[in-house]
Amino acid sequence: MERFLLGIQHFFNPLHVYCRLVESGINRRTSIRLSSYYEIIIFPWLARLTVNSLSLLRHAKKT
């Protein structure tokens, strides 16, 4: 489960999103704008969720 959560965190990293947008054929300027908006609006929620989930998971393993 920990590996899965870390994979999600990597896959949805704004730089990773930018690279996938460019690879899919979207020009760089548009990709930068989209990934910037994503980084500001969506990624903080996702990052907080994965960090909290990892903390809970690691705490549960200790007990």
PDB file of N, CA and C in Angstrom:
ATOM      1  N   MET A   1       0.822  -1.191   0.000  1.00  0.00           N
ATOM      2  CA  MET A   1       0.000   0.000   0.000  1.00  0.00           C
ATOM      3  C   MET A   1       0.868   1.258   0.000  1.00  0.00           C
ATOM      4  N   GLU A   2       1.964   1.206   0.757  1.00  0.00           N
ATOM      5  CA  GLU A   2       2.864   2.356   0.816  1.00  0.00           C
ATOM      6  C   GLU A   2       3.449   2.652  -0.564  1.00  0.00           C
ATOM      7  N   ARG A   3       3.830   1.612  -1.253  1.00  0.00           N
ATOM      8  CA  ARG A   3       4.387   1.778  -2.602  1.00  0.00           C
ATOM      9  C   ARG A   3       3.348   2.384  -3.552  1.00  0.00           C
ATOM     10  N   PHE A   4       2.121   1.963  -3.413  1.00  0.00           N
ATOM     11  CA  PHE A   4       1.025   2.486  -4.228  1.00  0.00           C
ATOM     12  C   PHE A   4       0.843   3.987  -3.986  1.00  0.00           C
ATOM     13  N   LEU A   5       0.828   4.396  -2.721  1.00  0.00           N
ATOM     14  CA  LEU A   5       0.658   5.811  -2.388  1.00  0.00           C
ATOM     15  C   LEU A   5       1.827   6.655  -2.898  1.00  0.00           C
ATOM     16  N   LEU A   6       3.041   6.125  -2.794  1.00  0.00           N
ATOM     17  CA  LEU A   6       4.202   6.844  -3.324  1.00  0.00           C
ATOM     18  C   LEU A   6       4.141   6.930  -4.847  1.00  0.00           C
ATOM     19  N   GLY A   7       3.632   5.898  -5.478  1.00  0.00           N
ATOM     20  CA  GLY A   7       3.452   5.916  -6.928  1.00  0.00           C
ATOM     21  C   GLY A   7       2.444   6.969  -7.361  1.00  0.00           C
ATOM     22  N   ILE A   8       1.364   7.093  -6.611  1.00  0.00           N
ATOM     23  CA  ILE A   8       0.368   8.128  -6.895  1.00  0.00           C
ATOM     24  C   ILE A   8       0.991   9.505  -6.759  1.00  0.00           C
ATOM     25  N   GLN A   9       1.754   9.685  -5.688  1.00  0.00           N
ATOM     26  CA  GLN A   9       2.389  10.976  -5.449  1.00  0.00           C
ATOM     27  C   GLN A   9       3.347  11.321  -6.586  1.00  0.00           C
ATOM     28  N   HIS A  10       4.071  10.337  -7.082  1.00  0.00           N
ATOM     29  CA  HIS A  10       4.984  10.587  -8.203  1.00  0.00           C
ATOM     30  C   HIS A  10       4.222  10.857  -9.501  1.00  0.00           C
ATOM     31  N   PHE A  11       3.245  10.022  -9.786  1.00  0.00           N
ATOM     32  CA  PHE A  11       2.517  10.118 -11.046  1.00  0.00           C
ATOM     33  C   PHE A  11       1.782  11.446 -11.187  1.00  0.00           C
ATOM     34  N   PHE A  12       1.284  11.974 -10.078  1.00  0.00           N
ATOM     35  CA  PHE A  12       0.527  13.216 -10.116  1.00  0.00           C
ATOM     36  C   PHE A  12       1.356  14.447  -9.738  1.00  0.00           C
ATOM     37  N   ASN A  13       2.668  14.292  -9.687  1.00  0.00           N
ATOM     38  CA  ASN A  13       3.570  15.411  -9.463  1.00  0.00           C
ATOM     39  C   ASN A  13       3.430  16.387 -10.632  1.00  0.00           C
ATOM     40  N   PRO A  14       3.371  17.693 -10.376  1.00  0.00           N
ATOM     41  CA  PRO A  14       3.170  18.671 -11.454  1.00  0.00           C
ATOM     42  C   PRO A  14       4.208  18.583 -12.583  1.00  0.00           C
ATOM     43  N   LEU A  15       5.456  18.306 -12.249  1.00  0.00           N
ATOM     44  CA  LEU A  15       6.466  18.168 -13.297  1.00  0.00           C
ATOM     45  C   LEU A  15       6.189  16.944 -14.159  1.00  0.00           C
ATOM     46  N   HIS A  16       5.767  15.873 -13.539  1.00  0.00           N
ATOM     47  CA  HIS A  16       5.415  14.657 -14.271  1.00  0.00           C
ATOM     48  C   HIS A  16       4.213  14.934 -15.190  1.00  0.00           C
ATOM     49  N   VAL A  17       3.236  15.656 -14.674  1.00  0.00           N
ATOM     50  CA  VAL A  17       2.060  16.013 -15.474  1.00  0.00           C
ATOM     51  C   VAL A  17       2.482  16.861 -16.674  1.00  0.00           C
ATOM     52  N   TYR A  18       3.357  17.822 -16.435  1.00  0.00           N
ATOM     53  CA  TYR A  18       3.859  18.669 -17.525  1.00  0.00           C
ATOM     54  C   TYR A  18       4.519  17.809 -18.612  1.00  0.00           C
ATOM     55  N   CYS A  19       5.390  16.920 -18.209  1.00  0.00           N
ATOM     56  CA  CYS A  19       6.085  16.071 -19.180  1.00  0.00           C
ATOM     57  C   CYS A  19       5.114  15.211 -19.988  1.00  0.00           C
ATOM     58  N   ARG A  20       4.099  14.658 -19.330  1.00  0.00           N
ATOM     59  CA  ARG A  20       3.115  13.842 -20.047  1.00  0.00           C
ATOM     60  C   ARG A  20       2.302  14.696 -21.018  1.00  0.00           C
ATOM     61  N   LEU A  21       1.998  15.939 -20.664  1.00  0.00           N
ATOM     62  CA  LEU A  21       1.272  16.831 -21.569  1.00  0.00           C
ATOM     63  C   LEU A  21       2.095  17.121 -22.813  1.00  0.00           C
ATOM     64  N   VAL A  22       3.381  17.403 -22.624  1.00  0.00           N
ATOM     65  CA  VAL A  22       4.266  17.676 -23.764  1.00  0.00           C
ATOM     66  C   VAL A  22       4.399  16.430 -24.640  1.00  0.00           C
ATOM     67  N   GLU A  23       4.560  15.276 -24.008  1.00  0.00           N
ATOM     68  CA  GLU A  23       4.657  14.015 -24.763  1.00  0.00           C
ATOM     69  C   GLU A  23       3.396  13.728 -25.566  1.00  0.00           C
ATOM     70  N   SER A  24       2.249  14.174 -25.056  1.00  0.00           N
ATOM     71  CA  SER A  24       1.001  13.903 -25.760  1.00  0.00           C
ATOM     72  C   SER A  24       0.751  14.884 -26.905  1.00  0.00           C
ATOM     73  N   GLY A  25       1.655  15.854 -27.085  1.00  0.00           N
ATOM     74  CA  GLY A  25       1.552  16.736 -28.241  1.00  0.00           C
ATOM     75  C   GLY A  25       1.064  18.140 -27.937  1.00  0.00           C
ATOM     76  N   ILE A  26       0.813  18.450 -26.698  1.00  0.00           N
ATOM     77  CA  ILE A  26       0.387  19.800 -26.336  1.00  0.00           C
ATOM     78  C   ILE A  26       1.632  20.676 -26.283  1.00  0.00           C
ATOM     79  N   ASN A  27       1.541  21.882 -26.856  1.00  0.00           N
ATOM     80  CA  ASN A  27       2.747  22.716 -26.897  1.00  0.00           C
ATOM     81  C   ASN A  27       3.208  23.084 -25.490  1.00  0.00           C
ATOM     82  N   ARG A  28       4.478  23.459 -25.400  1.00  0.00           N
ATOM     83  CA  ARG A  28       5.110  23.675 -24.090  1.00  0.00           C
ATOM     84  C   ARG A  28       4.462  24.800 -23.296  1.00  0.00           C
ATOM     85  N   ARG A  29       4.123  25.885 -23.957  1.00  0.00           N
ATOM     86  CA  ARG A  29       3.540  27.016 -23.238  1.00  0.00           C
ATOM     87  C   ARG A  29       2.202  26.639 -22.592  1.00  0.00           C
ATOM     88  N   THR A  30       1.364  25.961 -23.352  1.00  0.00           N
ATOM     89  CA  THR A  30       0.074  25.514 -22.825  1.00  0.00           C
ATOM     90  C   THR A  30       0.285  24.493 -21.710  1.00  0.00           C
ATOM     91  N   SER A  31       1.241  23.603 -21.899  1.00  0.00           N
ATOM     92  CA  SER A  31       1.540  22.589 -20.881  1.00  0.00           C
ATOM     93  C   SER A  31       2.011  23.233 -19.586  1.00  0.00           C
ATOM     94  N   ILE A  32       2.835  24.270 -19.700  1.00  0.00           N
ATOM     95  CA  ILE A  32       3.304  24.974 -18.502  1.00  0.00           C
ATOM     96  C   ILE A  32       2.130  25.615 -17.775  1.00  0.00           C
ATOM     97  N   ARG A  33       1.256  26.256 -18.523  1.00  0.00           N
ATOM     98  CA  ARG A  33       0.094  26.895 -17.899  1.00  0.00           C
ATOM     99  C   ARG A  33      -0.801  25.866 -17.213  1.00  0.00           C
ATOM    100  N   LEU A  34      -1.104  24.793 -17.919  1.00  0.00           N
ATOM    101  CA  LEU A  34      -1.977  23.769 -17.346  1.00  0.00           C
ATOM    102  C   LEU A  34      -1.365  23.146 -16.096  1.00  0.00           C
ATOM    103  N   SER A  35      -0.089  22.812 -16.166  1.00  0.00           N
ATOM    104  CA  SER A  35       0.542  22.188 -15.003  1.00  0.00           C
ATOM    105  C   SER A  35       0.704  23.185 -13.855  1.00  0.00           C
ATOM    106  N   SER A  36       0.858  24.464 -14.160  1.00  0.00           N
ATOM    107  CA  SER A  36       0.930  25.483 -13.102  1.00  0.00           C
ATOM    108  C   SER A  36      -0.405  25.605 -12.377  1.00  0.00           C
ATOM    109  N   TYR A  37      -1.486  25.664 -13.135  1.00  0.00           N
ATOM    110  CA  TYR A  37      -2.813  25.715 -12.520  1.00  0.00           C
ATOM    111  C   TYR A  37      -3.075  24.458 -11.704  1.00  0.00           C
ATOM    112  N   TYR A  38      -2.688  23.330 -12.259  1.00  0.00           N
ATOM    113  CA  TYR A  38      -2.847  22.055 -11.556  1.00  0.00           C
ATOM    114  C   TYR A  38      -2.068  22.072 -10.246  1.00  0.00           C
ATOM    115  N   GLU A  39      -0.827  22.601 -10.294  1.00  0.00           N
ATOM    116  CA  GLU A  39       0.020  22.651  -9.102  1.00  0.00           C
ATOM    117  C   GLU A  39      -0.581  23.539  -8.013  1.00  0.00           C
ATOM    118  N   ILE A  40      -1.231  24.610  -8.409  1.00  0.00           N
ATOM    119  CA  ILE A  40      -1.798  25.551  -7.452  1.00  0.00           C
ATOM    120  C   ILE A  40      -3.141  25.066  -6.907  1.00  0.00           C
ATOM    121  N   ILE A  41      -3.977  24.496  -7.770  1.00  0.00           N
ATOM    122  CA  ILE A  41      -5.361  24.186  -7.398  1.00  0.00           C
ATOM    123  C   ILE A  41      -5.543  22.755  -6.888  1.00  0.00           C
ATOM    124  N   ILE A  42      -5.004  21.788  -7.578  1.00  0.00           N
ATOM    125  CA  ILE A  42      -5.312  20.379  -7.292  1.00  0.00           C
ATOM    126  C   ILE A  42      -4.222  19.677  -6.479  1.00  0.00           C
ATOM    127  N   PHE A  43      -2.965  19.882  -6.848  1.00  0.00           N
ATOM    128  CA  PHE A  43      -1.883  19.106  -6.246  1.00  0.00           C
ATOM    129  C   PHE A  43      -1.759  19.261  -4.726  1.00  0.00           C
ATOM    130  N   PRO A  44      -1.959  20.457  -4.147  1.00  0.00           N
ATOM    131  CA  PRO A  44      -1.851  20.543  -2.681  1.00  0.00           C
ATOM    132  C   PRO A  44      -2.804  19.603  -1.945  1.00  0.00           C
ATOM    133  N   TRP A  45      -4.007  19.463  -2.446  1.00  0.00           N
ATOM    134  CA  TRP A  45      -4.973  18.545  -1.831  1.00  0.00           C
ATOM    135  C   TRP A  45      -4.509  17.099  -1.956  1.00  0.00           C
ATOM    136  N   LEU A  46      -4.035  16.759  -3.145  1.00  0.00           N
ATOM    137  CA  LEU A  46      -3.580  15.391  -3.384  1.00  0.00           C
ATOM    138  C   LEU A  46      -2.338  15.072  -2.553  1.00  0.00           C
ATOM    139  N   ALA A  47      -1.412  16.012  -2.484  1.00  0.00           N
ATOM    140  CA  ALA A  47      -0.194  15.799  -1.704  1.00  0.00           C
ATOM    141  C   ALA A  47      -0.525  15.624  -0.228  1.00  0.00           C
ATOM    142  N   ARG A  48      -1.397  16.469   0.296  1.00  0.00           N
ATOM    143  CA  ARG A  48      -1.793  16.373   1.690  1.00  0.00           C
ATOM    144  C   ARG A  48      -2.466  15.030   1.968  1.00  0.00           C
ATOM    145  N   LEU A  49      -3.304  14.601   1.052  1.00  0.00           N
ATOM    146  CA  LEU A  49      -3.997  13.327   1.216  1.00  0.00           C
ATOM    147  C   LEU A  49      -3.009  12.159   1.252  1.00  0.00           C
ATOM    148  N   THR A  50      -2.050  12.138   0.340  1.00  0.00           N
ATOM    149  CA  THR A  50      -1.091  11.030   0.310  1.00  0.00           C
ATOM    150  C   THR A  50      -0.162  11.054   1.519  1.00  0.00           C
ATOM    151  N   VAL A  51       0.281  12.241   1.928  1.00  0.00           N
ATOM    152  CA  VAL A  51       1.160  12.337   3.102  1.00  0.00           C
ATOM    153  C   VAL A  51       0.427  11.864   4.357  1.00  0.00           C
ATOM    154  N   ASN A  52      -0.798  12.306   4.524  1.00  0.00           N
ATOM    155  CA  ASN A  52      -1.583  11.873   5.689  1.00  0.00           C
ATOM    156  C   ASN A  52      -1.857  10.374   5.648  1.00  0.00           C
ATOM    157  N   SER A  53      -2.145   9.853   4.484  1.00  0.00           N
ATOM    158  CA  SER A  53      -2.395   8.415   4.350  1.00  0.00           C
ATOM    159  C   SER A  53      -1.143   7.614   4.670  1.00  0.00           C
ATOM    160  N   LEU A  54       0.006   8.087   4.203  1.00  0.00           N
ATOM    161  CA  LEU A  54       1.261   7.401   4.516  1.00  0.00           C
ATOM    162  C   LEU A  54       1.556   7.445   6.008  1.00  0.00           C
ATOM    163  N   SER A  55       1.299   8.574   6.626  1.00  0.00           N
ATOM    164  CA  SER A  55       1.525   8.690   8.070  1.00  0.00           C
ATOM    165  C   SER A  55       0.643   7.714   8.839  1.00  0.00           C
ATOM    166  N   LEU A  56      -0.618   7.647   8.477  1.00  0.00           N
ATOM    167  CA  LEU A  56      -1.533   6.709   9.135  1.00  0.00           C
ATOM    168  C   LEU A  56      -1.107   5.263   8.912  1.00  0.00           C
ATOM    169  N   LEU A  57      -0.712   4.969   7.702  1.00  0.00           N
ATOM    170  CA  LEU A  57      -0.285   3.609   7.373  1.00  0.00           C
ATOM    171  C   LEU A  57       0.959   3.226   8.173  1.00  0.00           C
ATOM    172  N   ARG A  58       1.936   4.115   8.236  1.00  0.00           N
ATOM    173  CA  ARG A  58       3.171   3.827   8.985  1.00  0.00           C
ATOM    174  C   ARG A  58       2.883   3.723  10.482  1.00  0.00           C
ATOM    175  N   HIS A  59       1.991   4.552  10.980  1.00  0.00           N
ATOM    176  CA  HIS A  59       1.623   4.493  12.398  1.00  0.00           C
ATOM    177  C   HIS A  59       0.927   3.162  12.714  1.00  0.00           C
ATOM    178  N   ALA A  60       0.065   2.721  11.812  1.00  0.00           N
ATOM    179  CA  ALA A  60      -0.651   1.453  12.009  1.00  0.00           C
ATOM    180  C   ALA A  60       0.326   0.269  11.989  1.00  0.00           C
ATOM    181  N   LYS A  61       1.388   0.366  11.190  1.00  0.00           N
ATOM    182  CA  LYS A  61       2.368  -0.718  11.132  1.00  0.00           C
ATOM    183  C   LYS A  61       3.157  -0.829  12.428  1.00  0.00           C
ATOM    184  N   LYS A  62       3.392   0.315  13.097  1.00  0.00           N
ATOM    185  CA  LYS A  62       4.157   0.310  14.342  1.00  0.00           C
ATOM    186  C   LYS A  62       3.396  -0.342  15.487  1.00  0.00           C
ATOM    187  N   THR A  63       2.094  -0.216  15.466  1.00  0.00           N
ATOM    188  CA  THR A  63       1.302  -0.746  16.575  1.00  0.00           C
ATOM    189  C   THR A  63       0.806  -2.129  16.304  1.00  0.00           C
TER     190      THR A  63
END
